[in-house]
Amino acid sequence: MELGHEISESTHKKIFTLITHLIHNPIQGIINIHPGYTSMLFTLDKMANIDDTIQAVENSLDMVQNSEPPEAKLVEVPVLYGGNYGKDIQRVVQFSRLSEDEIIQRHQSGNYLVYFLGFSPGFPYIGGMDQDLKTPRLQTPRKRVPQGSVAIAGGQTGIYPFPSPGGWNLIGRTPLKIFNISNPKNSLIQMGDKVQFKSISEDEYERLKESNGA
């Protein structure tokens, strides 16, 4: 289901309110919902009637047209930028023509919204980044990106919740565990949250890493 043609908070609002409604008012035959920036993908049981399911989803969309999404939670994410923790920050320097300090400052200053959780469980796709930091994905993805890596791909930023392959540009790392694999509802970052990145020192990183058990 396409709900817009460009990434925007208004389109996100439609998607978020519809998902919230469907979680509390499930439609028979829908076994999974995959949100995106401007669309939603529904996985159906093989016995579901597609036409009836589409009509039920459209009815639900009509019901939530004027609804407001849940109030956004603000999550502060401490980040140790650059060095071995952000090995691609110089690549961002090359594309943006900004200094490393300017990149860190601008990355901290974004008006960030978690549009959805994607390609691996708990990975937040975060919009609102300064578009001067726009940097294409790596041509050859890494086989293993460390847990907590903060990264840029195109005009968006994100955080790797656990070690995994990935092709985003690594600019730093957070010591926080952002995803609770045993209880995803209690994860630190959820769809619809606001995020504020904060630069920290290596000493602060190690202290927070120890206290968070990361």
N, C-alpha and C. Protein backbone atom coordinates (compact mmCIF):
# COMPACT_ATOMS: atom_id res chain seq x y z
N MET A 1 0.85 -1.19 0.00
CA MET A 1 0.00 0.00 0.00
C MET A 1 0.88 1.23 0.00
N GLU A 2 0.73 2.07 -1.02
CA GLU A 2 1.48 3.32 -1.11
C GLU A 2 0.66 4.43 -0.43
N LEU A 3 1.32 5.15 0.50
CA LEU A 3 0.63 6.22 1.23
C LEU A 3 1.24 7.59 0.96
N GLY A 4 2.18 7.65 0.04
CA GLY A 4 2.81 8.92 -0.30
C GLY A 4 3.82 8.72 -1.40
N HIS A 5 4.38 9.83 -1.87
CA HIS A 5 5.35 9.76 -2.96
C HIS A 5 6.73 10.30 -2.56
N GLU A 6 6.82 10.89 -1.37
CA GLU A 6 8.11 11.38 -0.91
C GLU A 6 8.19 11.23 0.61
N ILE A 7 9.42 11.13 1.09
CA ILE A 7 9.63 10.97 2.53
C ILE A 7 9.23 12.27 3.24
N SER A 8 8.29 12.15 4.17
CA SER A 8 7.84 13.33 4.91
C SER A 8 7.23 12.88 6.23
N GLU A 9 7.17 13.80 7.19
CA GLU A 9 6.57 13.47 8.48
C GLU A 9 5.07 13.25 8.34
N SER A 10 4.42 13.92 7.39
CA SER A 10 2.98 13.74 7.21
C SER A 10 2.67 12.33 6.70
N THR A 11 3.49 11.81 5.77
CA THR A 11 3.29 10.44 5.30
C THR A 11 3.60 9.44 6.41
N HIS A 12 4.68 9.71 7.16
CA HIS A 12 5.02 8.85 8.29
C HIS A 12 3.86 8.80 9.28
N LYS A 13 3.22 9.92 9.51
CA LYS A 13 2.09 9.97 10.45
C LYS A 13 0.98 9.02 10.01
N LYS A 14 0.66 9.01 8.71
CA LYS A 14 -0.37 8.11 8.18
C LYS A 14 0.01 6.65 8.43
N ILE A 15 1.27 6.33 8.13
CA ILE A 15 1.73 4.95 8.28
C ILE A 15 1.72 4.53 9.74
N PHE A 16 2.22 5.42 10.60
CA PHE A 16 2.33 5.09 12.02
C PHE A 16 0.96 4.91 12.66
N THR A 17 0.01 5.81 12.35
CA THR A 17 -1.33 5.70 12.94
C THR A 17 -2.04 4.44 12.44
N LEU A 18 -1.83 4.09 11.16
CA LEU A 18 -2.47 2.89 10.63
C LEU A 18 -1.88 1.64 11.26
N ILE A 19 -0.55 1.58 11.40
CA ILE A 19 0.08 0.43 12.03
C ILE A 19 -0.39 0.29 13.48
N THR A 20 -0.43 1.39 14.20
CA THR A 20 -0.87 1.35 15.60
C THR A 20 -2.29 0.81 15.69
N HIS A 21 -3.15 1.27 14.79
CA HIS A 21 -4.54 0.81 14.77
C HIS A 21 -4.61 -0.69 14.47
N LEU A 22 -3.84 -1.15 13.49
CA LEU A 22 -3.91 -2.56 13.09
C LEU A 22 -3.31 -3.49 14.14
N ILE A 23 -2.35 -3.00 14.91
CA ILE A 23 -1.79 -3.80 16.00
C ILE A 23 -2.87 -4.08 17.05
N HIS A 24 -3.68 -3.03 17.33
CA HIS A 24 -4.72 -3.17 18.35
C HIS A 24 -6.03 -3.71 17.79
N ASN A 25 -6.17 -3.66 16.47
CA ASN A 25 -7.38 -4.16 15.80
C ASN A 25 -6.96 -5.00 14.61
N PRO A 26 -6.40 -6.18 14.88
CA PRO A 26 -5.85 -6.99 13.79
C PRO A 26 -6.91 -7.44 12.79
N ILE A 27 -6.50 -7.55 11.54
CA ILE A 27 -7.37 -8.01 10.46
C ILE A 27 -7.03 -9.47 10.17
N GLN A 28 -8.04 -10.31 10.15
CA GLN A 28 -7.84 -11.72 9.90
C GLN A 28 -7.17 -11.93 8.54
N GLY A 29 -6.16 -12.75 8.53
CA GLY A 29 -5.45 -13.05 7.29
C GLY A 29 -4.13 -12.33 7.16
N ILE A 30 -3.94 -11.21 7.89
CA ILE A 30 -2.66 -10.48 7.86
C ILE A 30 -1.75 -11.08 8.92
N ILE A 31 -0.61 -11.58 8.52
CA ILE A 31 0.30 -12.21 9.49
C ILE A 31 1.54 -11.38 9.78
N ASN A 32 1.79 -10.35 8.97
CA ASN A 32 2.91 -9.45 9.25
C ASN A 32 2.72 -8.15 8.50
N ILE A 33 3.26 -7.06 9.07
CA ILE A 33 3.18 -5.73 8.45
C ILE A 33 4.60 -5.17 8.42
N HIS A 34 5.03 -4.73 7.25
CA HIS A 34 6.37 -4.19 7.08
C HIS A 34 6.25 -2.72 6.65
N PRO A 35 6.50 -1.76 7.56
CA PRO A 35 6.42 -0.36 7.18
C PRO A 35 7.65 0.11 6.43
N GLY A 36 7.49 1.13 5.61
CA GLY A 36 8.61 1.78 4.92
C GLY A 36 8.46 3.28 5.08
N TYR A 37 9.22 4.03 4.29
CA TYR A 37 9.13 5.49 4.37
C TYR A 37 7.77 5.99 3.85
N THR A 38 7.30 5.39 2.76
CA THR A 38 6.06 5.88 2.13
C THR A 38 5.06 4.77 1.86
N SER A 39 5.34 3.56 2.33
CA SER A 39 4.48 2.44 1.99
C SER A 39 4.43 1.43 3.13
N MET A 40 3.49 0.48 2.98
CA MET A 40 3.39 -0.63 3.92
C MET A 40 3.22 -1.92 3.11
N LEU A 41 3.97 -2.95 3.49
CA LEU A 41 3.86 -4.25 2.84
C LEU A 41 3.16 -5.20 3.81
N PHE A 42 2.08 -5.82 3.35
CA PHE A 42 1.32 -6.75 4.17
C PHE A 42 1.61 -8.19 3.71
N THR A 43 1.97 -9.04 4.66
CA THR A 43 2.12 -10.46 4.37
C THR A 43 0.85 -11.16 4.81
N LEU A 44 0.25 -11.92 3.88
CA LEU A 44 -1.03 -12.54 4.14
C LEU A 44 -0.91 -14.05 4.30
N ASP A 45 -1.78 -14.60 5.12
CA ASP A 45 -1.93 -16.03 5.19
C ASP A 45 -2.37 -16.54 3.83
N LYS A 46 -1.91 -17.71 3.45
CA LYS A 46 -2.22 -18.22 2.11
C LYS A 46 -3.71 -18.46 1.89
N MET A 47 -4.49 -18.54 2.97
CA MET A 47 -5.93 -18.74 2.84
C MET A 47 -6.71 -17.44 2.81
N ALA A 48 -6.02 -16.30 2.99
CA ALA A 48 -6.71 -15.01 3.05
C ALA A 48 -7.27 -14.63 1.67
N ASN A 49 -8.42 -13.97 1.69
CA ASN A 49 -9.01 -13.42 0.48
C ASN A 49 -8.40 -12.03 0.26
N ILE A 50 -7.66 -11.87 -0.82
CA ILE A 50 -6.92 -10.63 -1.02
C ILE A 50 -7.85 -9.43 -1.14
N ASP A 51 -8.92 -9.54 -1.91
CA ASP A 51 -9.85 -8.42 -2.10
C ASP A 51 -10.48 -8.00 -0.77
N ASP A 52 -10.89 -8.98 0.04
CA ASP A 52 -11.50 -8.66 1.34
C ASP A 52 -10.49 -8.01 2.27
N THR A 53 -9.25 -8.49 2.21
CA THR A 53 -8.22 -7.93 3.08
C THR A 53 -7.90 -6.49 2.68
N ILE A 54 -7.79 -6.24 1.38
CA ILE A 54 -7.53 -4.88 0.91
C ILE A 54 -8.65 -3.95 1.36
N GLN A 55 -9.89 -4.39 1.25
CA GLN A 55 -11.02 -3.56 1.66
C GLN A 55 -10.98 -3.28 3.16
N ALA A 56 -10.61 -4.29 3.95
CA ALA A 56 -10.52 -4.11 5.39
C ALA A 56 -9.42 -3.11 5.76
N VAL A 57 -8.29 -3.19 5.06
CA VAL A 57 -7.19 -2.24 5.32
C VAL A 57 -7.62 -0.83 4.94
N GLU A 58 -8.28 -0.69 3.79
CA GLU A 58 -8.75 0.63 3.37
C GLU A 58 -9.76 1.20 4.35
N ASN A 59 -10.63 0.35 4.90
CA ASN A 59 -11.59 0.80 5.91
C ASN A 59 -10.87 1.30 7.17
N SER A 60 -9.82 0.57 7.55
CA SER A 60 -9.03 0.97 8.72
C SER A 60 -8.33 2.31 8.47
N LEU A 61 -7.83 2.49 7.23
CA LEU A 61 -7.17 3.75 6.88
C LEU A 61 -8.16 4.91 6.99
N ASP A 62 -9.39 4.69 6.54
CA ASP A 62 -10.42 5.74 6.65
C ASP A 62 -10.69 6.09 8.12
N MET A 63 -10.65 5.09 8.98
CA MET A 63 -10.96 5.29 10.39
C MET A 63 -9.91 6.13 11.10
N VAL A 64 -8.67 6.06 10.64
CA VAL A 64 -7.58 6.75 11.36
C VAL A 64 -7.12 8.02 10.66
N GLN A 65 -7.83 8.44 9.63
CA GLN A 65 -7.42 9.61 8.84
C GLN A 65 -7.12 10.82 9.71
N ASN A 66 -7.94 11.06 10.73
CA ASN A 66 -7.78 12.26 11.56
C ASN A 66 -7.18 11.94 12.92
N SER A 67 -6.63 10.74 13.05
CA SER A 67 -6.04 10.35 14.34
C SER A 67 -4.62 10.89 14.46
N GLU A 68 -4.19 11.08 15.68
CA GLU A 68 -2.82 11.51 15.95
C GLU A 68 -2.01 10.31 16.41
N PRO A 69 -0.76 10.19 15.96
CA PRO A 69 0.08 9.08 16.44
C PRO A 69 0.43 9.28 17.91
N PRO A 70 0.89 8.23 18.58
CA PRO A 70 1.32 8.37 19.98
C PRO A 70 2.40 9.45 20.10
N GLU A 71 2.45 10.08 21.26
CA GLU A 71 3.44 11.14 21.47
C GLU A 71 4.85 10.58 21.32
N ALA A 72 5.68 11.30 20.58
CA ALA A 72 7.04 10.84 20.31
C ALA A 72 7.89 10.88 21.58
N LYS A 73 8.68 9.84 21.76
CA LYS A 73 9.64 9.77 22.86
C LYS A 73 10.98 10.29 22.35
N LEU A 74 11.68 11.09 23.14
CA LEU A 74 13.00 11.58 22.76
C LEU A 74 14.06 10.67 23.35
N VAL A 75 14.92 10.12 22.49
CA VAL A 75 15.99 9.22 22.92
C VAL A 75 17.33 9.89 22.63
N GLU A 76 18.12 10.09 23.68
CA GLU A 76 19.46 10.65 23.50
C GLU A 76 20.45 9.52 23.28
N VAL A 77 21.19 9.60 22.18
CA VAL A 77 22.13 8.54 21.81
C VAL A 77 23.55 9.09 21.87
N PRO A 78 24.35 8.70 22.86
CA PRO A 78 25.75 9.13 22.93
C PRO A 78 26.56 8.42 21.85
N VAL A 79 27.46 9.17 21.20
CA VAL A 79 28.24 8.61 20.09
C VAL A 79 29.71 9.01 20.22
N LEU A 80 30.58 8.04 20.09
CA LEU A 80 32.01 8.32 19.95
C LEU A 80 32.28 8.35 18.45
N TYR A 81 32.54 9.56 17.94
CA TYR A 81 32.69 9.75 16.49
C TYR A 81 34.13 9.53 16.05
N GLY A 82 34.29 9.09 14.79
CA GLY A 82 35.59 9.06 14.13
C GLY A 82 36.51 7.94 14.62
N GLY A 83 37.76 8.01 14.15
CA GLY A 83 38.77 7.03 14.53
C GLY A 83 38.36 5.62 14.16
N ASN A 84 38.73 4.66 15.01
CA ASN A 84 38.37 3.26 14.75
C ASN A 84 36.89 3.00 14.91
N TYR A 85 36.18 3.94 15.52
CA TYR A 85 34.75 3.76 15.75
C TYR A 85 33.91 4.29 14.59
N GLY A 86 34.52 5.13 13.78
CA GLY A 86 33.82 5.69 12.62
C GLY A 86 34.75 5.72 11.42
N LYS A 87 35.04 4.54 10.91
CA LYS A 87 36.11 4.40 9.91
C LYS A 87 35.81 5.06 8.58
N ASP A 88 34.55 5.44 8.34
CA ASP A 88 34.21 6.04 7.04
C ASP A 88 33.97 7.54 7.14
N ILE A 89 34.31 8.14 8.26
CA ILE A 89 34.01 9.55 8.41
C ILE A 89 34.81 10.38 7.38
N GLN A 90 36.00 9.91 7.01
CA GLN A 90 36.77 10.63 6.00
C GLN A 90 36.12 10.51 4.62
N ARG A 91 35.39 9.45 4.40
CA ARG A 91 34.65 9.32 3.13
C ARG A 91 33.52 10.37 3.10
N VAL A 92 32.90 10.61 4.24
CA VAL A 92 31.88 11.66 4.33
C VAL A 92 32.53 13.03 4.13
N VAL A 93 33.74 13.20 4.64
CA VAL A 93 34.49 14.45 4.41
C VAL A 93 34.68 14.68 2.92
N GLN A 94 35.05 13.63 2.19
CA GLN A 94 35.29 13.75 0.74
C GLN A 94 34.02 14.15 -0.01
N PHE A 95 32.90 13.55 0.34
CA PHE A 95 31.66 13.84 -0.39
C PHE A 95 31.04 15.16 0.04
N SER A 96 31.15 15.50 1.31
CA SER A 96 30.50 16.72 1.82
C SER A 96 31.37 17.96 1.70
N ARG A 97 32.69 17.74 1.61
CA ARG A 97 33.66 18.84 1.62
C ARG A 97 33.60 19.64 2.93
N LEU A 98 33.17 18.97 3.97
CA LEU A 98 33.16 19.56 5.31
C LEU A 98 34.28 18.92 6.12
N SER A 99 34.73 19.61 7.17
CA SER A 99 35.74 19.02 8.04
C SER A 99 35.09 17.97 8.93
N GLU A 100 35.92 17.14 9.56
CA GLU A 100 35.39 16.11 10.46
C GLU A 100 34.61 16.75 11.61
N ASP A 101 35.14 17.85 12.15
CA ASP A 101 34.44 18.54 13.25
C ASP A 101 33.08 19.07 12.79
N GLU A 102 33.03 19.60 11.57
CA GLU A 102 31.76 20.11 11.04
C GLU A 102 30.75 18.98 10.84
N ILE A 103 31.24 17.84 10.39
CA ILE A 103 30.37 16.68 10.18
C ILE A 103 29.77 16.24 11.51
N ILE A 104 30.61 16.15 12.54
CA ILE A 104 30.12 15.74 13.85
C ILE A 104 29.09 16.73 14.38
N GLN A 105 29.38 18.02 14.24
CA GLN A 105 28.46 19.04 14.72
C GLN A 105 27.13 18.98 13.98
N ARG A 106 27.19 18.84 12.68
CA ARG A 106 25.95 18.80 11.89
C ARG A 106 25.16 17.52 12.14
N HIS A 107 25.87 16.42 12.33
CA HIS A 107 25.17 15.17 12.61
C HIS A 107 24.44 15.25 13.94
N GLN A 108 25.02 15.93 14.91
CA GLN A 108 24.37 16.09 16.21
C GLN A 108 23.16 17.03 16.16
N SER A 109 23.15 17.89 15.14
CA SER A 109 22.14 18.97 15.10
C SER A 109 20.89 18.61 14.30
N GLY A 110 20.83 17.39 13.77
CA GLY A 110 19.67 17.01 12.96
C GLY A 110 18.38 16.96 13.75
N ASN A 111 17.27 17.15 13.06
CA ASN A 111 15.93 17.02 13.66
C ASN A 111 15.42 15.61 13.31
N TYR A 112 15.78 14.64 14.14
CA TYR A 112 15.66 13.25 13.75
C TYR A 112 14.35 12.59 14.16
N LEU A 113 13.84 11.77 13.24
CA LEU A 113 12.64 10.98 13.47
C LEU A 113 12.91 9.55 12.99
N VAL A 114 12.53 8.57 13.81
CA VAL A 114 12.66 7.16 13.41
C VAL A 114 11.44 6.81 12.56
N TYR A 115 11.65 6.71 11.26
CA TYR A 115 10.55 6.45 10.34
C TYR A 115 10.06 5.01 10.42
N PHE A 116 10.99 4.08 10.54
CA PHE A 116 10.61 2.68 10.70
C PHE A 116 11.84 1.88 11.09
N LEU A 117 11.61 0.63 11.52
CA LEU A 117 12.70 -0.28 11.82
C LEU A 117 12.80 -1.27 10.68
N GLY A 118 14.02 -1.43 10.13
CA GLY A 118 14.11 -2.16 8.89
C GLY A 118 15.19 -3.21 8.84
N PHE A 119 15.95 -3.22 7.81
CA PHE A 119 16.42 -4.41 7.09
C PHE A 119 16.85 -5.57 7.98
N SER A 120 17.36 -5.29 9.17
CA SER A 120 17.55 -6.35 10.16
C SER A 120 16.74 -5.94 11.39
N PRO A 121 16.37 -6.88 12.27
CA PRO A 121 15.53 -6.54 13.41
C PRO A 121 16.10 -5.40 14.24
N GLY A 122 15.30 -4.37 14.48
CA GLY A 122 15.69 -3.27 15.34
C GLY A 122 16.53 -2.19 14.70
N PHE A 123 16.82 -2.30 13.39
CA PHE A 123 17.64 -1.28 12.73
C PHE A 123 16.77 -0.05 12.44
N PRO A 124 17.06 1.10 13.07
CA PRO A 124 16.21 2.28 12.86
C PRO A 124 16.63 3.08 11.63
N TYR A 125 15.67 3.31 10.74
CA TYR A 125 15.89 4.22 9.61
C TYR A 125 15.49 5.60 10.08
N ILE A 126 16.49 6.49 10.18
CA ILE A 126 16.29 7.79 10.83
C ILE A 126 16.41 8.90 9.80
N GLY A 127 15.34 9.67 9.64
CA GLY A 127 15.34 10.81 8.73
C GLY A 127 15.52 12.10 9.49
N GLY A 128 15.83 13.16 8.75
CA GLY A 128 16.01 14.47 9.36
C GLY A 128 17.45 14.92 9.43
N MET A 129 18.34 14.15 8.79
CA MET A 129 19.77 14.50 8.79
C MET A 129 20.04 15.70 7.88
N ASP A 130 21.01 16.51 8.25
CA ASP A 130 21.49 17.59 7.39
C ASP A 130 21.90 17.00 6.05
N GLN A 131 21.29 17.47 4.97
CA GLN A 131 21.53 16.87 3.65
C GLN A 131 22.90 17.19 3.08
N ASP A 132 23.64 18.10 3.70
CA ASP A 132 25.03 18.32 3.30
C ASP A 132 25.91 17.13 3.65
N LEU A 133 25.41 16.24 4.51
CA LEU A 133 26.16 15.06 4.92
C LEU A 133 25.87 13.85 4.02
N LYS A 134 25.04 14.04 3.03
CA LYS A 134 24.63 12.95 2.15
C LYS A 134 25.85 12.26 1.54
N THR A 135 25.90 10.94 1.71
CA THR A 135 27.03 10.15 1.21
C THR A 135 26.51 8.80 0.73
N PRO A 136 26.87 8.38 -0.50
CA PRO A 136 26.37 7.10 -1.00
C PRO A 136 26.90 5.90 -0.21
N ARG A 137 26.16 4.82 -0.27
CA ARG A 137 26.60 3.58 0.38
C ARG A 137 27.95 3.13 -0.17
N LEU A 138 28.63 2.29 0.59
CA LEU A 138 29.89 1.71 0.13
C LEU A 138 29.62 0.81 -1.07
N GLN A 139 30.54 0.82 -2.02
CA GLN A 139 30.37 -0.04 -3.20
C GLN A 139 30.43 -1.52 -2.83
N THR A 140 31.25 -1.85 -1.84
CA THR A 140 31.35 -3.22 -1.36
C THR A 140 30.99 -3.25 0.12
N PRO A 141 29.84 -3.80 0.48
CA PRO A 141 29.44 -3.84 1.89
C PRO A 141 30.42 -4.63 2.75
N ARG A 142 30.52 -4.24 4.02
CA ARG A 142 31.34 -5.00 4.95
C ARG A 142 30.62 -6.31 5.32
N LYS A 143 31.42 -7.32 5.61
CA LYS A 143 30.83 -8.59 6.04
C LYS A 143 30.36 -8.51 7.49
N ARG A 144 30.98 -7.60 8.26
CA ARG A 144 30.58 -7.48 9.66
C ARG A 144 30.75 -6.04 10.12
N VAL A 145 29.64 -5.44 10.52
CA VAL A 145 29.65 -4.09 11.09
C VAL A 145 29.44 -4.24 12.59
N PRO A 146 30.26 -3.58 13.42
CA PRO A 146 30.14 -3.74 14.87
C PRO A 146 28.79 -3.24 15.41
N GLN A 147 28.33 -3.87 16.46
CA GLN A 147 27.11 -3.44 17.16
C GLN A 147 27.25 -2.00 17.62
N GLY A 148 26.19 -1.23 17.45
CA GLY A 148 26.18 0.16 17.91
C GLY A 148 26.73 1.15 16.91
N SER A 149 27.18 0.67 15.75
CA SER A 149 27.75 1.59 14.75
C SER A 149 26.70 2.57 14.27
N VAL A 150 27.07 3.84 14.26
CA VAL A 150 26.21 4.92 13.75
C VAL A 150 26.69 5.23 12.34
N ALA A 151 25.77 5.28 11.40
CA ALA A 151 26.19 5.31 10.00
C ALA A 151 25.29 6.19 9.15
N ILE A 152 25.80 6.51 7.96
CA ILE A 152 25.08 7.34 6.98
C ILE A 152 25.00 6.58 5.66
N ALA A 153 23.82 6.65 5.03
CA ALA A 153 23.64 6.10 3.68
C ALA A 153 22.71 7.04 2.93
N GLY A 154 23.21 7.64 1.86
CA GLY A 154 22.40 8.64 1.17
C GLY A 154 22.10 9.79 2.11
N GLY A 155 20.82 10.16 2.21
CA GLY A 155 20.44 11.27 3.08
C GLY A 155 19.87 10.85 4.41
N GLN A 156 20.15 9.61 4.83
CA GLN A 156 19.59 9.11 6.08
C GLN A 156 20.70 8.61 6.99
N THR A 157 20.37 8.45 8.26
CA THR A 157 21.32 7.90 9.21
C THR A 157 20.66 6.74 9.94
N GLY A 158 21.46 5.91 10.58
CA GLY A 158 20.93 4.75 11.27
C GLY A 158 21.93 4.19 12.26
N ILE A 159 21.50 3.17 13.01
CA ILE A 159 22.33 2.55 14.04
C ILE A 159 22.22 1.03 13.90
N TYR A 160 23.36 0.37 13.81
CA TYR A 160 23.35 -1.10 13.73
C TYR A 160 23.08 -1.68 15.12
N PRO A 161 21.97 -2.38 15.32
CA PRO A 161 21.62 -2.87 16.65
C PRO A 161 22.45 -4.05 17.14
N PHE A 162 23.03 -4.79 16.21
CA PHE A 162 23.92 -5.90 16.57
C PHE A 162 24.85 -6.16 15.38
N PRO A 163 25.94 -6.92 15.57
CA PRO A 163 26.87 -7.15 14.47
C PRO A 163 26.17 -7.78 13.26
N SER A 164 26.41 -7.21 12.09
CA SER A 164 25.77 -7.72 10.87
C SER A 164 26.51 -7.18 9.66
N PRO A 165 26.28 -7.77 8.49
CA PRO A 165 26.82 -7.18 7.27
C PRO A 165 26.16 -5.82 7.02
N GLY A 166 26.83 -4.95 6.28
CA GLY A 166 26.22 -3.66 5.97
C GLY A 166 27.11 -2.80 5.10
N GLY A 167 26.47 -1.91 4.34
CA GLY A 167 27.21 -1.06 3.42
C GLY A 167 27.08 0.42 3.69
N TRP A 168 26.61 0.77 4.90
CA TRP A 168 26.50 2.19 5.24
C TRP A 168 27.85 2.73 5.70
N ASN A 169 28.02 4.05 5.62
CA ASN A 169 29.26 4.72 6.02
C ASN A 169 29.30 4.88 7.54
N LEU A 170 30.27 4.25 8.17
CA LEU A 170 30.38 4.30 9.64
C LEU A 170 31.05 5.60 10.06
N ILE A 171 30.35 6.36 10.92
CA ILE A 171 30.92 7.64 11.38
C ILE A 171 31.15 7.65 12.88
N GLY A 172 30.66 6.64 13.60
CA GLY A 172 30.84 6.59 15.04
C GLY A 172 30.19 5.35 15.61
N ARG A 173 30.16 5.29 16.95
CA ARG A 173 29.55 4.12 17.59
C ARG A 173 28.97 4.54 18.93
N THR A 174 27.82 3.98 19.26
CA THR A 174 27.21 4.23 20.56
C THR A 174 27.44 3.02 21.47
N PRO A 175 27.65 3.26 22.76
CA PRO A 175 27.81 2.14 23.70
C PRO A 175 26.47 1.56 24.15
N LEU A 176 25.36 2.17 23.75
CA LEU A 176 24.05 1.72 24.20
C LEU A 176 23.57 0.52 23.40
N LYS A 177 22.84 -0.36 24.04
CA LYS A 177 22.14 -1.44 23.35
C LYS A 177 20.78 -0.88 22.94
N ILE A 178 20.53 -0.80 21.63
CA ILE A 178 19.30 -0.16 21.19
C ILE A 178 18.17 -1.14 20.91
N PHE A 179 18.50 -2.45 20.87
CA PHE A 179 17.47 -3.44 20.54
C PHE A 179 17.48 -4.57 21.56
N ASN A 180 16.30 -4.90 22.07
CA ASN A 180 16.13 -6.00 23.02
C ASN A 180 15.58 -7.20 22.26
N ILE A 181 16.45 -8.12 21.89
CA ILE A 181 16.04 -9.22 21.02
C ILE A 181 15.06 -10.16 21.70
N SER A 182 15.11 -10.25 23.03
CA SER A 182 14.19 -11.14 23.75
C SER A 182 12.84 -10.49 24.01
N ASN A 183 12.82 -9.15 23.98
CA ASN A 183 11.56 -8.42 24.20
C ASN A 183 11.59 -7.13 23.38
N PRO A 184 11.34 -7.24 22.06
CA PRO A 184 11.48 -6.07 21.18
C PRO A 184 10.67 -4.85 21.62
N LYS A 185 9.53 -5.06 22.28
CA LYS A 185 8.70 -3.92 22.71
C LYS A 185 9.41 -3.06 23.74
N ASN A 186 10.42 -3.63 24.42
CA ASN A 186 11.18 -2.87 25.42
C ASN A 186 12.50 -2.34 24.86
N SER A 187 12.65 -2.34 23.54
CA SER A 187 13.87 -1.81 22.94
C SER A 187 13.98 -0.31 23.17
N LEU A 188 15.20 0.18 23.18
CA LEU A 188 15.44 1.60 23.45
C LEU A 188 14.82 2.49 22.39
N ILE A 189 14.93 2.11 21.12
CA ILE A 189 14.45 2.94 20.02
C ILE A 189 13.33 2.23 19.29
N GLN A 190 12.22 2.97 19.10
CA GLN A 190 11.05 2.43 18.42
C GLN A 190 10.64 3.35 17.27
N MET A 191 9.84 2.81 16.36
CA MET A 191 9.26 3.61 15.29
C MET A 191 8.51 4.80 15.89
N GLY A 192 8.72 5.98 15.33
CA GLY A 192 8.04 7.18 15.80
C GLY A 192 8.80 7.98 16.84
N ASP A 193 9.92 7.43 17.36
CA ASP A 193 10.72 8.15 18.34
C ASP A 193 11.49 9.29 17.69
N LYS A 194 11.80 10.30 18.49
CA LYS A 194 12.75 11.35 18.12
C LYS A 194 14.12 10.95 18.67
N VAL A 195 15.17 11.28 17.95
CA VAL A 195 16.52 10.91 18.37
C VAL A 195 17.40 12.15 18.43
N GLN A 196 18.21 12.23 19.48
CA GLN A 196 19.21 13.30 19.59
C GLN A 196 20.57 12.64 19.79
N PHE A 197 21.49 12.85 18.83
CA PHE A 197 22.83 12.31 18.97
C PHE A 197 23.70 13.28 19.78
N LYS A 198 24.59 12.72 20.60
CA LYS A 198 25.46 13.53 21.46
C LYS A 198 26.88 12.97 21.42
N SER A 199 27.84 13.83 21.07
CA SER A 199 29.24 13.40 20.99
C SER A 199 29.80 13.18 22.39
N ILE A 200 30.53 12.07 22.56
CA ILE A 200 31.16 11.76 23.84
C ILE A 200 32.63 11.40 23.62
N SER A 201 33.38 11.40 24.72
CA SER A 201 34.79 11.04 24.67
C SER A 201 34.95 9.53 24.77
N GLU A 202 36.18 9.07 24.52
CA GLU A 202 36.43 7.63 24.61
C GLU A 202 36.25 7.12 26.03
N ASP A 203 36.66 7.94 27.03
CA ASP A 203 36.46 7.54 28.43
C ASP A 203 34.97 7.38 28.74
N GLU A 204 34.16 8.34 28.26
CA GLU A 204 32.71 8.24 28.48
C GLU A 204 32.14 7.02 27.78
N TYR A 205 32.64 6.74 26.58
CA TYR A 205 32.18 5.57 25.83
C TYR A 205 32.44 4.29 26.62
N GLU A 206 33.65 4.14 27.13
CA GLU A 206 34.00 2.92 27.87
C GLU A 206 33.18 2.81 29.15
N ARG A 207 32.97 3.93 29.82
CA ARG A 207 32.18 3.90 31.07
C ARG A 207 30.74 3.49 30.78
N LEU A 208 30.14 4.08 29.74
CA LEU A 208 28.75 3.75 29.40
C LEU A 208 28.63 2.33 28.87
N LYS A 209 29.64 1.89 28.13
CA LYS A 209 29.62 0.53 27.60
C LYS A 209 29.62 -0.47 28.74
N GLU A 210 30.43 -0.22 29.75
CA GLU A 210 30.50 -1.13 30.90
C GLU A 210 29.19 -1.12 31.68
N SER A 211 28.64 0.07 31.89
CA SER A 211 27.40 0.17 32.69
C SER A 211 26.18 -0.39 31.95
N ASN A 212 26.24 -0.40 30.61
CA ASN A 212 25.13 -0.93 29.82
C ASN A 212 25.32 -2.39 29.42
N GLY A 213 26.47 -2.95 29.79
CA GLY A 213 26.73 -4.33 29.46
C GLY A 213 26.84 -4.61 27.99
N ALA A 214 27.23 -3.58 27.20
CA ALA A 214 27.31 -3.73 25.75
C ALA A 214 28.58 -4.44 25.34
